[in-house]
Amino acid sequence: MKKSVLVVEDHSSQRKMMVDALQRAGYIIYQAADVQQAISLLNQHKPDVVVADMHLPSGDGTEVIREARKVAGAPIAIVAVSIDLAILNQNTISVNQADAYLSKPFHPRELLKLVEELVGVSL
């Protein structure tokens, strides 16, 4: 069964890069540009992985992470993304309950490697 990823990123060029790379690798993709869209998609689709930017215009990625942790069923793996190294260095993994993090800018291969590790399969 194909694995699914929710990409939460307000910058359309960054979102497109992530979505294109993940789709080419065979993942089902859901995408959101803000916190409200992300929460709606989380509850509708229950993705296997959430890739969430920590800086969003309608709130921040920590809200998305908190909501993802509340979704019933199989646990959702979380990748926190930020250009702000201070955010990622402030124990993002433990404080925000993310499973992994990426610092912008990053190469799509880095994202694919993390997602593959988190879902435990290579598509």
PDB file of N, CA and C in Angstrom:
ATOM      1  N   MET A   1       0.830  -1.174   0.000  1.00  0.00           N
ATOM      2  CA  MET A   1       0.000   0.000   0.000  1.00  0.00           C
ATOM      3  C   MET A   1       0.885   1.252   0.000  1.00  0.00           C
ATOM      4  N   LYS A   2       0.526   2.227  -0.817  1.00  0.00           N
ATOM      5  CA  LYS A   2       1.307   3.459  -0.898  1.00  0.00           C
ATOM      6  C   LYS A   2       1.205   4.243   0.404  1.00  0.00           C
ATOM      7  N   LYS A   3       2.310   4.836   0.778  1.00  0.00           N
ATOM      8  CA  LYS A   3       2.356   5.681   1.966  1.00  0.00           C
ATOM      9  C   LYS A   3       2.000   7.111   1.579  1.00  0.00           C
ATOM     10  N   SER A   4       1.472   7.861   2.543  1.00  0.00           N
ATOM     11  CA  SER A   4       1.052   9.230   2.249  1.00  0.00           C
ATOM     12  C   SER A   4       1.815  10.239   3.106  1.00  0.00           C
ATOM     13  N   VAL A   5       1.969  11.436   2.528  1.00  0.00           N
ATOM     14  CA  VAL A   5       2.710  12.520   3.186  1.00  0.00           C
ATOM     15  C   VAL A   5       1.897  13.799   3.068  1.00  0.00           C
ATOM     16  N   LEU A   6       1.770  14.501   4.183  1.00  0.00           N
ATOM     17  CA  LEU A   6       1.172  15.832   4.193  1.00  0.00           C
ATOM     18  C   LEU A   6       2.312  16.839   4.258  1.00  0.00           C
ATOM     19  N   VAL A   7       2.402  17.700   3.231  1.00  0.00           N
ATOM     20  CA  VAL A   7       3.415  18.747   3.173  1.00  0.00           C
ATOM     21  C   VAL A   7       2.751  20.060   3.563  1.00  0.00           C
ATOM     22  N   VAL A   8       3.256  20.691   4.629  1.00  0.00           N
ATOM     23  CA  VAL A   8       2.705  21.958   5.124  1.00  0.00           C
ATOM     24  C   VAL A   8       3.784  23.028   4.946  1.00  0.00           C
ATOM     25  N   GLU A   9       3.589  23.874   3.938  1.00  0.00           N
ATOM     26  CA  GLU A   9       4.579  24.898   3.592  1.00  0.00           C
ATOM     27  C   GLU A   9       3.858  26.053   2.920  1.00  0.00           C
ATOM     28  N   ASP A  10       4.065  27.268   3.416  1.00  0.00           N
ATOM     29  CA  ASP A  10       3.367  28.426   2.853  1.00  0.00           C
ATOM     30  C   ASP A  10       4.022  28.978   1.597  1.00  0.00           C
ATOM     31  N   HIS A  11       5.289  28.733   1.381  1.00  0.00           N
ATOM     32  CA  HIS A  11       5.964  29.215   0.176  1.00  0.00           C
ATOM     33  C   HIS A  11       5.738  28.207  -0.951  1.00  0.00           C
ATOM     34  N   SER A  12       5.024  28.640  -1.981  1.00  0.00           N
ATOM     35  CA  SER A  12       4.610  27.722  -3.044  1.00  0.00           C
ATOM     36  C   SER A  12       5.786  27.056  -3.759  1.00  0.00           C
ATOM     37  N   SER A  13       6.893  27.759  -3.960  1.00  0.00           N
ATOM     38  CA  SER A  13       8.033  27.148  -4.650  1.00  0.00           C
ATOM     39  C   SER A  13       8.660  26.038  -3.803  1.00  0.00           C
ATOM     40  N   GLN A  14       8.771  26.261  -2.494  1.00  0.00           N
ATOM     41  CA  GLN A  14       9.298  25.225  -1.592  1.00  0.00           C
ATOM     42  C   GLN A  14       8.355  24.022  -1.540  1.00  0.00           C
ATOM     43  N   ARG A  15       7.047  24.321  -1.432  1.00  0.00           N
ATOM     44  CA  ARG A  15       6.050  23.246  -1.378  1.00  0.00           C
ATOM     45  C   ARG A  15       6.101  22.416  -2.652  1.00  0.00           C
ATOM     46  N   LYS A  16       6.176  23.087  -3.798  1.00  0.00           N
ATOM     47  CA  LYS A  16       6.221  22.382  -5.085  1.00  0.00           C
ATOM     48  C   LYS A  16       7.439  21.466  -5.172  1.00  0.00           C
ATOM     49  N   MET A  17       8.600  21.959  -4.731  1.00  0.00           N
ATOM     50  CA  MET A  17       9.814  21.152  -4.764  1.00  0.00           C
ATOM     51  C   MET A  17       9.635  19.877  -3.927  1.00  0.00           C
ATOM     52  N   MET A  18       9.076  20.033  -2.731  1.00  0.00           N
ATOM     53  CA  MET A  18       8.884  18.873  -1.859  1.00  0.00           C
ATOM     54  C   MET A  18       7.846  17.912  -2.438  1.00  0.00           C
ATOM     55  N   VAL A  19       6.728  18.464  -2.899  1.00  0.00           N
ATOM     56  CA  VAL A  19       5.649  17.647  -3.456  1.00  0.00           C
ATOM     57  C   VAL A  19       6.142  16.879  -4.680  1.00  0.00           C
ATOM     58  N   ASP A  20       6.822  17.559  -5.591  1.00  0.00           N
ATOM     59  CA  ASP A  20       7.327  16.902  -6.805  1.00  0.00           C
ATOM     60  C   ASP A  20       8.262  15.743  -6.475  1.00  0.00           C
ATOM     61  N   ALA A  21       9.193  15.973  -5.553  1.00  0.00           N
ATOM     62  CA  ALA A  21      10.150  14.923  -5.180  1.00  0.00           C
ATOM     63  C   ALA A  21       9.440  13.724  -4.558  1.00  0.00           C
ATOM     64  N   LEU A  22       8.509  13.984  -3.662  1.00  0.00           N
ATOM     65  CA  LEU A  22       7.789  12.894  -2.986  1.00  0.00           C
ATOM     66  C   LEU A  22       6.874  12.148  -3.942  1.00  0.00           C
ATOM     67  N   GLN A  23       6.213  12.865  -4.852  1.00  0.00           N
ATOM     68  CA  GLN A  23       5.351  12.207  -5.835  1.00  0.00           C
ATOM     69  C   GLN A  23       6.171  11.314  -6.762  1.00  0.00           C
ATOM     70  N   ARG A  24       7.309  11.823  -7.223  1.00  0.00           N
ATOM     71  CA  ARG A  24       8.177  11.008  -8.097  1.00  0.00           C
ATOM     72  C   ARG A  24       8.624   9.733  -7.393  1.00  0.00           C
ATOM     73  N   ALA A  25       8.765   9.792  -6.079  1.00  0.00           N
ATOM     74  CA  ALA A  25       9.182   8.620  -5.306  1.00  0.00           C
ATOM     75  C   ALA A  25       8.016   7.662  -5.039  1.00  0.00           C
ATOM     76  N   GLY A  26       6.791   8.072  -5.410  1.00  0.00           N
ATOM     77  CA  GLY A  26       5.656   7.162  -5.285  1.00  0.00           C
ATOM     78  C   GLY A  26       4.734   7.398  -4.102  1.00  0.00           C
ATOM     79  N   TYR A  27       4.927   8.479  -3.371  1.00  0.00           N
ATOM     80  CA  TYR A  27       4.067   8.765  -2.228  1.00  0.00           C
ATOM     81  C   TYR A  27       2.783   9.466  -2.669  1.00  0.00           C
ATOM     82  N   ILE A  28       1.713   9.227  -1.937  1.00  0.00           N
ATOM     83  CA  ILE A  28       0.476   9.988  -2.093  1.00  0.00           C
ATOM     84  C   ILE A  28       0.697  11.277  -1.317  1.00  0.00           C
ATOM     85  N   ILE A  29       0.389  12.416  -1.937  1.00  0.00           N
ATOM     86  CA  ILE A  29       0.698  13.703  -1.322  1.00  0.00           C
ATOM     87  C   ILE A  29      -0.564  14.507  -1.052  1.00  0.00           C
ATOM     88  N   TYR A  30      -0.601  15.102   0.128  1.00  0.00           N
ATOM     89  CA  TYR A  30      -1.598  16.110   0.482  1.00  0.00           C
ATOM     90  C   TYR A  30      -0.783  17.360   0.792  1.00  0.00           C
ATOM     91  N   GLN A  31      -1.303  18.523   0.454  1.00  0.00           N
ATOM     92  CA  GLN A  31      -0.526  19.736   0.704  1.00  0.00           C
ATOM     93  C   GLN A  31      -1.381  20.840   1.274  1.00  0.00           C
ATOM     94  N   ALA A  32      -0.750  21.595   2.172  1.00  0.00           N
ATOM     95  CA  ALA A  32      -1.428  22.696   2.841  1.00  0.00           C
ATOM     96  C   ALA A  32      -0.485  23.887   2.914  1.00  0.00           C
ATOM     97  N   ALA A  33      -1.085  25.086   2.840  1.00  0.00           N
ATOM     98  CA  ALA A  33      -0.297  26.316   2.906  1.00  0.00           C
ATOM     99  C   ALA A  33      -0.412  26.996   4.262  1.00  0.00           C
ATOM    100  N   ASP A  34      -1.319  26.489   5.116  1.00  0.00           N
ATOM    101  CA  ASP A  34      -1.481  27.109   6.432  1.00  0.00           C
ATOM    102  C   ASP A  34      -1.940  26.079   7.455  1.00  0.00           C
ATOM    103  N   VAL A  35      -1.993  26.511   8.694  1.00  0.00           N
ATOM    104  CA  VAL A  35      -2.310  25.612   9.806  1.00  0.00           C
ATOM    105  C   VAL A  35      -3.713  25.029   9.674  1.00  0.00           C
ATOM    106  N   GLN A  36      -4.696  25.853   9.340  1.00  0.00           N
ATOM    107  CA  GLN A  36      -6.078  25.366   9.256  1.00  0.00           C
ATOM    108  C   GLN A  36      -6.241  24.289   8.182  1.00  0.00           C
ATOM    109  N   GLN A  37      -5.656  24.528   6.998  1.00  0.00           N
ATOM    110  CA  GLN A  37      -5.698  23.520   5.936  1.00  0.00           C
ATOM    111  C   GLN A  37      -5.035  22.235   6.398  1.00  0.00           C
ATOM    112  N   ALA A  38      -3.896  22.375   7.049  1.00  0.00           N
ATOM    113  CA  ALA A  38      -3.142  21.207   7.504  1.00  0.00           C
ATOM    114  C   ALA A  38      -3.952  20.371   8.482  1.00  0.00           C
ATOM    115  N   ILE A  39      -4.594  21.020   9.438  1.00  0.00           N
ATOM    116  CA  ILE A  39      -5.379  20.295  10.443  1.00  0.00           C
ATOM    117  C   ILE A  39      -6.565  19.593   9.794  1.00  0.00           C
ATOM    118  N   SER A  40      -7.200  20.255   8.860  1.00  0.00           N
ATOM    119  CA  SER A  40      -8.315  19.642   8.138  1.00  0.00           C
ATOM    120  C   SER A  40      -7.861  18.398   7.378  1.00  0.00           C
ATOM    121  N   LEU A  41      -6.741  18.508   6.654  1.00  0.00           N
ATOM    122  CA  LEU A  41      -6.216  17.370   5.900  1.00  0.00           C
ATOM    123  C   LEU A  41      -5.736  16.251   6.816  1.00  0.00           C
ATOM    124  N   LEU A  42      -5.153  16.605   7.953  1.00  0.00           N
ATOM    125  CA  LEU A  42      -4.728  15.599   8.930  1.00  0.00           C
ATOM    126  C   LEU A  42      -5.899  14.726   9.358  1.00  0.00           C
ATOM    127  N   ASN A  43      -6.991  15.369   9.703  1.00  0.00           N
ATOM    128  CA  ASN A  43      -8.159  14.632  10.183  1.00  0.00           C
ATOM    129  C   ASN A  43      -8.876  13.876   9.073  1.00  0.00           C
ATOM    130  N   GLN A  44      -8.831  14.399   7.857  1.00  0.00           N
ATOM    131  CA  GLN A  44      -9.478  13.738   6.719  1.00  0.00           C
ATOM    132  C   GLN A  44      -8.716  12.511   6.263  1.00  0.00           C
ATOM    133  N   HIS A  45      -7.395  12.637   6.143  1.00  0.00           N
ATOM    134  CA  HIS A  45      -6.604  11.610   5.456  1.00  0.00           C
ATOM    135  C   HIS A  45      -5.675  10.793   6.345  1.00  0.00           C
ATOM    136  N   LYS A  46      -5.355  11.265   7.534  1.00  0.00           N
ATOM    137  CA  LYS A  46      -4.438  10.555   8.446  1.00  0.00           C
ATOM    138  C   LYS A  46      -3.181  10.067   7.707  1.00  0.00           C
ATOM    139  N   PRO A  47      -2.340  11.006   7.259  1.00  0.00           N
ATOM    140  CA  PRO A  47      -1.135  10.624   6.505  1.00  0.00           C
ATOM    141  C   PRO A  47      -0.140   9.853   7.365  1.00  0.00           C
ATOM    142  N   ASP A  48       0.786   9.178   6.706  1.00  0.00           N
ATOM    143  CA  ASP A  48       1.838   8.441   7.414  1.00  0.00           C
ATOM    144  C   ASP A  48       2.913   9.383   7.947  1.00  0.00           C
ATOM    145  N   VAL A  49       3.156  10.478   7.202  1.00  0.00           N
ATOM    146  CA  VAL A  49       4.196  11.443   7.562  1.00  0.00           C
ATOM    147  C   VAL A  49       3.656  12.853   7.351  1.00  0.00           C
ATOM    148  N   VAL A  50       4.047  13.765   8.240  1.00  0.00           N
ATOM    149  CA  VAL A  50       3.774  15.195   8.067  1.00  0.00           C
ATOM    150  C   VAL A  50       5.121  15.904   7.989  1.00  0.00           C
ATOM    151  N   VAL A  51       5.301  16.694   6.926  1.00  0.00           N
ATOM    152  CA  VAL A  51       6.481  17.536   6.776  1.00  0.00           C
ATOM    153  C   VAL A  51       5.978  18.955   6.995  1.00  0.00           C
ATOM    154  N   ALA A  52       6.331  19.565   8.129  1.00  0.00           N
ATOM    155  CA  ALA A  52       5.737  20.845   8.516  1.00  0.00           C
ATOM    156  C   ALA A  52       6.768  21.944   8.697  1.00  0.00           C
ATOM    157  N   ASP A  53       6.568  23.041   7.966  1.00  0.00           N
ATOM    158  CA  ASP A  53       7.371  24.243   8.162  1.00  0.00           C
ATOM    159  C   ASP A  53       7.019  24.803   9.537  1.00  0.00           C
ATOM    160  N   MET A  54       7.999  25.274  10.259  1.00  0.00           N
ATOM    161  CA  MET A  54       7.756  25.803  11.594  1.00  0.00           C
ATOM    162  C   MET A  54       7.261  27.248  11.588  1.00  0.00           C
ATOM    163  N   HIS A  55       7.420  27.949  10.454  1.00  0.00           N
ATOM    164  CA  HIS A  55       6.984  29.350  10.347  1.00  0.00           C
ATOM    165  C   HIS A  55       5.890  29.449   9.294  1.00  0.00           C
ATOM    166  N   LEU A  56       4.659  29.606   9.732  1.00  0.00           N
ATOM    167  CA  LEU A  56       3.527  29.738   8.826  1.00  0.00           C
ATOM    168  C   LEU A  56       2.799  31.041   9.130  1.00  0.00           C
ATOM    169  N   PRO A  57       2.186  31.660   8.122  1.00  0.00           N
ATOM    170  CA  PRO A  57       1.540  32.952   8.359  1.00  0.00           C
ATOM    171  C   PRO A  57       0.334  32.879   9.304  1.00  0.00           C
ATOM    172  N   SER A  58      -0.292  31.740   9.384  1.00  0.00           N
ATOM    173  CA  SER A  58      -1.507  31.612  10.198  1.00  0.00           C
ATOM    174  C   SER A  58      -1.253  30.959  11.547  1.00  0.00           C
ATOM    175  N   GLY A  59      -0.003  30.862  11.940  1.00  0.00           N
ATOM    176  CA  GLY A  59       0.359  30.183  13.176  1.00  0.00           C
ATOM    177  C   GLY A  59       1.718  29.558  12.971  1.00  0.00           C
ATOM    178  N   ASP A  60       2.037  28.542  13.734  1.00  0.00           N
ATOM    179  CA  ASP A  60       3.315  27.889  13.463  1.00  0.00           C
ATOM    180  C   ASP A  60       3.162  26.381  13.399  1.00  0.00           C
ATOM    181  N   GLY A  61       4.218  25.758  12.915  1.00  0.00           N
ATOM    182  CA  GLY A  61       4.199  24.323  12.704  1.00  0.00           C
ATOM    183  C   GLY A  61       3.984  23.507  13.962  1.00  0.00           C
ATOM    184  N   THR A  62       4.272  24.091  15.129  1.00  0.00           N
ATOM    185  CA  THR A  62       4.061  23.332  16.359  1.00  0.00           C
ATOM    186  C   THR A  62       2.589  23.008  16.558  1.00  0.00           C
ATOM    187  N   GLU A  63       1.703  23.874  16.074  1.00  0.00           N
ATOM    188  CA  GLU A  63       0.267  23.585  16.155  1.00  0.00           C
ATOM    189  C   GLU A  63      -0.076  22.360  15.317  1.00  0.00           C
ATOM    190  N   VAL A  64       0.524  22.263  14.147  1.00  0.00           N
ATOM    191  CA  VAL A  64       0.301  21.114  13.263  1.00  0.00           C
ATOM    192  C   VAL A  64       0.816  19.847  13.927  1.00  0.00           C
ATOM    193  N   ILE A  65       1.999  19.937  14.534  1.00  0.00           N
ATOM    194  CA  ILE A  65       2.575  18.771  15.211  1.00  0.00           C
ATOM    195  C   ILE A  65       1.672  18.316  16.353  1.00  0.00           C
ATOM    196  N   ARG A  66       1.212  19.255  17.174  1.00  0.00           N
ATOM    197  CA  ARG A  66       0.322  18.890  18.294  1.00  0.00           C
ATOM    198  C   ARG A  66      -0.936  18.188  17.796  1.00  0.00           C
ATOM    199  N   GLU A  67      -1.521  18.704  16.732  1.00  0.00           N
ATOM    200  CA  GLU A  67      -2.735  18.084  16.180  1.00  0.00           C
ATOM    201  C   GLU A  67      -2.440  16.707  15.603  1.00  0.00           C
ATOM    202  N   ALA A  68      -1.295  16.560  14.943  1.00  0.00           N
ATOM    203  CA  ALA A  68      -0.928  15.260  14.365  1.00  0.00           C
ATOM    204  C   ALA A  68      -0.773  14.209  15.462  1.00  0.00           C
ATOM    205  N   ARG A  69      -0.273  14.620  16.609  1.00  0.00           N
ATOM    206  CA  ARG A  69      -0.100  13.680  17.728  1.00  0.00           C
ATOM    207  C   ARG A  69      -1.432  13.257  18.342  1.00  0.00           C
ATOM    208  N   LYS A  70      -2.501  14.020  18.084  1.00  0.00           N
ATOM    209  CA  LYS A  70      -3.825  13.704  18.623  1.00  0.00           C
ATOM    210  C   LYS A  70      -4.637  12.782  17.722  1.00  0.00           C
ATOM    211  N   VAL A  71      -4.222  12.624  16.452  1.00  0.00           N
ATOM    212  CA  VAL A  71      -4.988  11.838  15.492  1.00  0.00           C
ATOM    213  C   VAL A  71      -4.958  10.372  15.908  1.00  0.00           C
ATOM    214  N   ALA A  72      -6.141   9.781  15.965  1.00  0.00           N
ATOM    215  CA  ALA A  72      -6.265   8.378  16.365  1.00  0.00           C
ATOM    216  C   ALA A  72      -5.738   7.465  15.262  1.00  0.00           C
ATOM    217  N   GLY A  73      -5.306   6.290  15.660  1.00  0.00           N
ATOM    218  CA  GLY A  73      -4.818   5.318  14.691  1.00  0.00           C
ATOM    219  C   GLY A  73      -3.311   5.196  14.782  1.00  0.00           C
ATOM    220  N   ALA A  74      -2.716   4.760  13.689  1.00  0.00           N
ATOM    221  CA  ALA A  74      -1.266   4.578  13.646  1.00  0.00           C
ATOM    222  C   ALA A  74      -0.574   5.917  13.872  1.00  0.00           C
ATOM    223  N   PRO A  75       0.560   5.908  14.555  1.00  0.00           N
ATOM    224  CA  PRO A  75       1.263   7.173  14.800  1.00  0.00           C
ATOM    225  C   PRO A  75       1.727   7.807  13.489  1.00  0.00           C
ATOM    226  N   ILE A  76       1.703   9.132  13.465  1.00  0.00           N
ATOM    227  CA  ILE A  76       2.134   9.888  12.293  1.00  0.00           C
ATOM    228  C   ILE A  76       3.546  10.386  12.554  1.00  0.00           C
ATOM    229  N   ALA A  77       4.462  10.104  11.633  1.00  0.00           N
ATOM    230  CA  ALA A  77       5.837  10.586  11.759  1.00  0.00           C
ATOM    231  C   ALA A  77       5.869  12.065  11.364  1.00  0.00           C
ATOM    232  N   ILE A  78       6.700  12.831  12.068  1.00  0.00           N
ATOM    233  CA  ILE A  78       6.762  14.279  11.858  1.00  0.00           C
ATOM    234  C   ILE A  78       8.178  14.710  11.488  1.00  0.00           C
ATOM    235  N   VAL A  79       8.273  15.523  10.415  1.00  0.00           N
ATOM    236  CA  VAL A  79       9.528  16.173  10.042  1.00  0.00           C
ATOM    237  C   VAL A  79       9.306  17.675  10.189  1.00  0.00           C
ATOM    238  N   ALA A  80      10.049  18.315  11.097  1.00  0.00           N
ATOM    239  CA  ALA A  80       9.977  19.761  11.280  1.00  0.00           C
ATOM    240  C   ALA A  80      10.982  20.415  10.333  1.00  0.00           C
ATOM    241  N   VAL A  81      10.536  21.483   9.651  1.00  0.00           N
ATOM    242  CA  VAL A  81      11.379  22.174   8.679  1.00  0.00           C
ATOM    243  C   VAL A  81      11.446  23.646   9.045  1.00  0.00           C
ATOM    244  N   SER A  82      12.661  24.215   8.992  1.00  0.00           N
ATOM    245  CA  SER A  82      12.799  25.642   9.281  1.00  0.00           C
ATOM    246  C   SER A  82      14.079  26.190   8.681  1.00  0.00           C
ATOM    247  N   ILE A  83      14.030  27.458   8.303  1.00  0.00           N
ATOM    248  CA  ILE A  83      15.243  28.154   7.864  1.00  0.00           C
ATOM    249  C   ILE A  83      15.993  28.683   9.079  1.00  0.00           C
ATOM    250  N   ASP A  84      15.300  28.792  10.182  1.00  0.00           N
ATOM    251  CA  ASP A  84      15.843  29.350  11.417  1.00  0.00           C
ATOM    252  C   ASP A  84      16.511  28.248  12.233  1.00  0.00           C
ATOM    253  N   LEU A  85      17.826  28.194  12.172  1.00  0.00           N
ATOM    254  CA  LEU A  85      18.549  27.143  12.889  1.00  0.00           C
ATOM    255  C   LEU A  85      18.318  27.192  14.388  1.00  0.00           C
ATOM    256  N   ALA A  86      18.074  28.379  14.933  1.00  0.00           N
ATOM    257  CA  ALA A  86      17.823  28.496  16.377  1.00  0.00           C
ATOM    258  C   ALA A  86      16.574  27.705  16.755  1.00  0.00           C
ATOM    259  N   ILE A  87      15.555  27.753  15.909  1.00  0.00           N
ATOM    260  CA  ILE A  87      14.321  26.994  16.182  1.00  0.00           C
ATOM    261  C   ILE A  87      14.631  25.506  16.204  1.00  0.00           C
ATOM    262  N   LEU A  88      15.377  25.046  15.206  1.00  0.00           N
ATOM    263  CA  LEU A  88      15.689  23.621  15.139  1.00  0.00           C
ATOM    264  C   LEU A  88      16.660  23.200  16.226  1.00  0.00           C
ATOM    265  N   ASN A  89      17.511  24.088  16.655  1.00  0.00           N
ATOM    266  CA  ASN A  89      18.486  23.757  17.689  1.00  0.00           C
ATOM    267  C   ASN A  89      17.912  23.802  19.104  1.00  0.00           C
ATOM    268  N   GLN A  90      16.729  24.361  19.275  1.00  0.00           N
ATOM    269  CA  GLN A  90      16.115  24.440  20.603  1.00  0.00           C
ATOM    270  C   GLN A  90      15.334  23.165  20.907  1.00  0.00           C
ATOM    271  N   ASN A  91      15.996  22.051  20.726  1.00  0.00           N
ATOM    272  CA  ASN A  91      15.377  20.756  21.018  1.00  0.00           C
ATOM    273  C   ASN A  91      14.045  20.569  20.307  1.00  0.00           C
ATOM    274  N   THR A  92      13.994  20.937  19.042  1.00  0.00           N
ATOM    275  CA  THR A  92      12.760  20.791  18.274  1.00  0.00           C
ATOM    276  C   THR A  92      12.228  19.369  18.341  1.00  0.00           C
ATOM    277  N   ILE A  93      13.117  18.426  18.290  1.00  0.00           N
ATOM    278  CA  ILE A  93      12.663  17.045  18.278  1.00  0.00           C
ATOM    279  C   ILE A  93      11.937  16.698  19.567  1.00  0.00           C
ATOM    280  N   SER A  94      12.489  17.082  20.716  1.00  0.00           N
ATOM    281  CA  SER A  94      11.818  16.727  21.970  1.00  0.00           C
ATOM    282  C   SER A  94      10.728  17.716  22.352  1.00  0.00           C
ATOM    283  N   VAL A  95      10.984  18.999  22.220  1.00  0.00           N
ATOM    284  CA  VAL A  95      10.005  20.004  22.633  1.00  0.00           C
ATOM    285  C   VAL A  95       8.753  19.942  21.766  1.00  0.00           C
ATOM    286  N   ASN A  96       8.939  19.896  20.471  1.00  0.00           N
ATOM    287  CA  ASN A  96       7.801  19.905  19.553  1.00  0.00           C
ATOM    288  C   ASN A  96       7.363  18.506  19.138  1.00  0.00           C
ATOM    289  N   GLN A  97       7.992  17.513  19.684  1.00  0.00           N
ATOM    290  CA  GLN A  97       7.647  16.122  19.419  1.00  0.00           C
ATOM    291  C   GLN A  97       7.792  15.744  17.950  1.00  0.00           C
ATOM    292  N   ALA A  98       8.747  16.350  17.270  1.00  0.00           N
ATOM    293  CA  ALA A  98       9.039  15.949  15.895  1.00  0.00           C
ATOM    294  C   ALA A  98       9.972  14.738  15.933  1.00  0.00           C
ATOM    295  N   ASP A  99       9.884  13.923  14.896  1.00  0.00           N
ATOM    296  CA  ASP A  99      10.741  12.739  14.809  1.00  0.00           C
ATOM    297  C   ASP A  99      12.064  13.049  14.125  1.00  0.00           C
ATOM    298  N   ALA A 100      12.054  14.106  13.303  1.00  0.00           N
ATOM    299  CA  ALA A 100      13.254  14.495  12.567  1.00  0.00           C
ATOM    300  C   ALA A 100      13.102  15.959  12.169  1.00  0.00           C
ATOM    301  N   TYR A 101      14.192  16.551  11.695  1.00  0.00           N
ATOM    302  CA  TYR A 101      14.104  17.926  11.235  1.00  0.00           C
ATOM    303  C   TYR A 101      15.008  18.146  10.036  1.00  0.00           C
ATOM    304  N   LEU A 102      14.669  19.163   9.254  1.00  0.00           N
ATOM    305  CA  LEU A 102      15.462  19.586   8.106  1.00  0.00           C
ATOM    306  C   LEU A 102      15.643  21.095   8.192  1.00  0.00           C
ATOM    307  N   SER A 103      16.844  21.541   7.919  1.00  0.00           N
ATOM    308  CA  SER A 103      17.127  22.965   7.879  1.00  0.00           C
ATOM    309  C   SER A 103      17.116  23.423   6.424  1.00  0.00           C
ATOM    310  N   LYS A 104      16.364  24.497   6.147  1.00  0.00           N
ATOM    311  CA  LYS A 104      16.333  25.052   4.793  1.00  0.00           C
ATOM    312  C   LYS A 104      17.609  25.841   4.547  1.00  0.00           C
ATOM    313  N   PRO A 105      18.123  25.857   3.351  1.00  0.00           N
ATOM    314  CA  PRO A 105      17.663  25.080   2.205  1.00  0.00           C
ATOM    315  C   PRO A 105      18.169  23.646   2.295  1.00  0.00           C
ATOM    316  N   PHE A 106      17.441  22.739   1.684  1.00  0.00           N
ATOM    317  CA  PHE A 106      17.861  21.343   1.657  1.00  0.00           C
ATOM    318  C   PHE A 106      17.602  20.780   0.264  1.00  0.00           C
ATOM    319  N   HIS A 107      18.281  19.698  -0.038  1.00  0.00           N
ATOM    320  CA  HIS A 107      18.102  19.029  -1.326  1.00  0.00           C
ATOM    321  C   HIS A 107      16.945  18.041  -1.191  1.00  0.00           C
ATOM    322  N   PRO A 108      16.137  17.889  -2.227  1.00  0.00           N
ATOM    323  CA  PRO A 108      15.016  16.937  -2.156  1.00  0.00           C
ATOM    324  C   PRO A 108      15.434  15.531  -1.723  1.00  0.00           C
ATOM    325  N   ARG A 109      16.651  15.117  -2.071  1.00  0.00           N
ATOM    326  CA  ARG A 109      17.113  13.777  -1.660  1.00  0.00           C
ATOM    327  C   ARG A 109      17.174  13.652  -0.143  1.00  0.00           C
ATOM    328  N   GLU A 110      17.511  14.752   0.551  1.00  0.00           N
ATOM    329  CA  GLU A 110      17.540  14.726   2.014  1.00  0.00           C
ATOM    330  C   GLU A 110      16.148  14.460   2.570  1.00  0.00           C
ATOM    331  N   LEU A 111      15.155  15.123   1.986  1.00  0.00           N
ATOM    332  CA  LEU A 111      13.767  14.919   2.415  1.00  0.00           C
ATOM    333  C   LEU A 111      13.340  13.480   2.145  1.00  0.00           C
ATOM    334  N   LEU A 112      13.620  12.976   0.951  1.00  0.00           N
ATOM    335  CA  LEU A 112      13.238  11.598   0.612  1.00  0.00           C
ATOM    336  C   LEU A 112      13.879  10.590   1.552  1.00  0.00           C
ATOM    337  N   LYS A 113      15.150  10.794   1.861  1.00  0.00           N
ATOM    338  CA  LYS A 113      15.849   9.869   2.761  1.00  0.00           C
ATOM    339  C   LYS A 113      15.174   9.844   4.132  1.00  0.00           C
ATOM    340  N   LEU A 114      14.867  11.017   4.666  1.00  0.00           N
ATOM    341  CA  LEU A 114      14.200  11.089   5.980  1.00  0.00           C
ATOM    342  C   LEU A 114      12.835  10.419   5.952  1.00  0.00           C
ATOM    343  N   VAL A 115      12.040  10.715   4.947  1.00  0.00           N
ATOM    344  CA  VAL A 115      10.701  10.140   4.854  1.00  0.00           C
ATOM    345  C   VAL A 115      10.780   8.627   4.738  1.00  0.00           C
ATOM    346  N   GLU A 116      11.691   8.132   3.904  1.00  0.00           N
ATOM    347  CA  GLU A 116      11.857   6.683   3.755  1.00  0.00           C
ATOM    348  C   GLU A 116      12.246   6.030   5.090  1.00  0.00           C
ATOM    349  N   GLU A 117      13.131   6.686   5.824  1.00  0.00           N
ATOM    350  CA  GLU A 117      13.525   6.154   7.134  1.00  0.00           C
ATOM    351  C   GLU A 117      12.340   6.133   8.101  1.00  0.00           C
ATOM    352  N   LEU A 118      11.521   7.189   8.064  1.00  0.00           N
ATOM    353  CA  LEU A 118      10.404   7.286   9.006  1.00  0.00           C
ATOM    354  C   LEU A 118       9.288   6.297   8.706  1.00  0.00           C
ATOM    355  N   VAL A 119       9.034   6.021   7.433  1.00  0.00           N
ATOM    356  CA  VAL A 119       7.963   5.073   7.114  1.00  0.00           C
ATOM    357  C   VAL A 119       8.489   3.648   7.038  1.00  0.00           C
ATOM    358  N   GLY A 120       9.805   3.509   7.065  1.00  0.00           N
ATOM    359  CA  GLY A 120      10.396   2.171   7.100  1.00  0.00           C
ATOM    360  C   GLY A 120      10.358   1.425   5.787  1.00  0.00           C
ATOM    361  N   VAL A 121      10.146   2.141   4.697  1.00  0.00           N
ATOM    362  CA  VAL A 121      10.140   1.480   3.390  1.00  0.00           C
ATOM    363  C   VAL A 121      10.819   2.387   2.371  1.00  0.00           C
ATOM    364  N   SER A 122      11.287   1.753   1.327  1.00  0.00           N
ATOM    365  CA  SER A 122      11.802   2.488   0.185  1.00  0.00           C
ATOM    366  C   SER A 122      10.883   2.163  -0.964  1.00  0.00           C
ATOM    367  N   LEU A 123      10.224   3.168  -1.497  1.00  0.00           N
ATOM    368  CA  LEU A 123       9.254   2.939  -2.575  1.00  0.00           C
ATOM    369  C   LEU A 123       9.948   2.863  -3.911  1.00  0.00           C
TER     370      LEU A 123
END
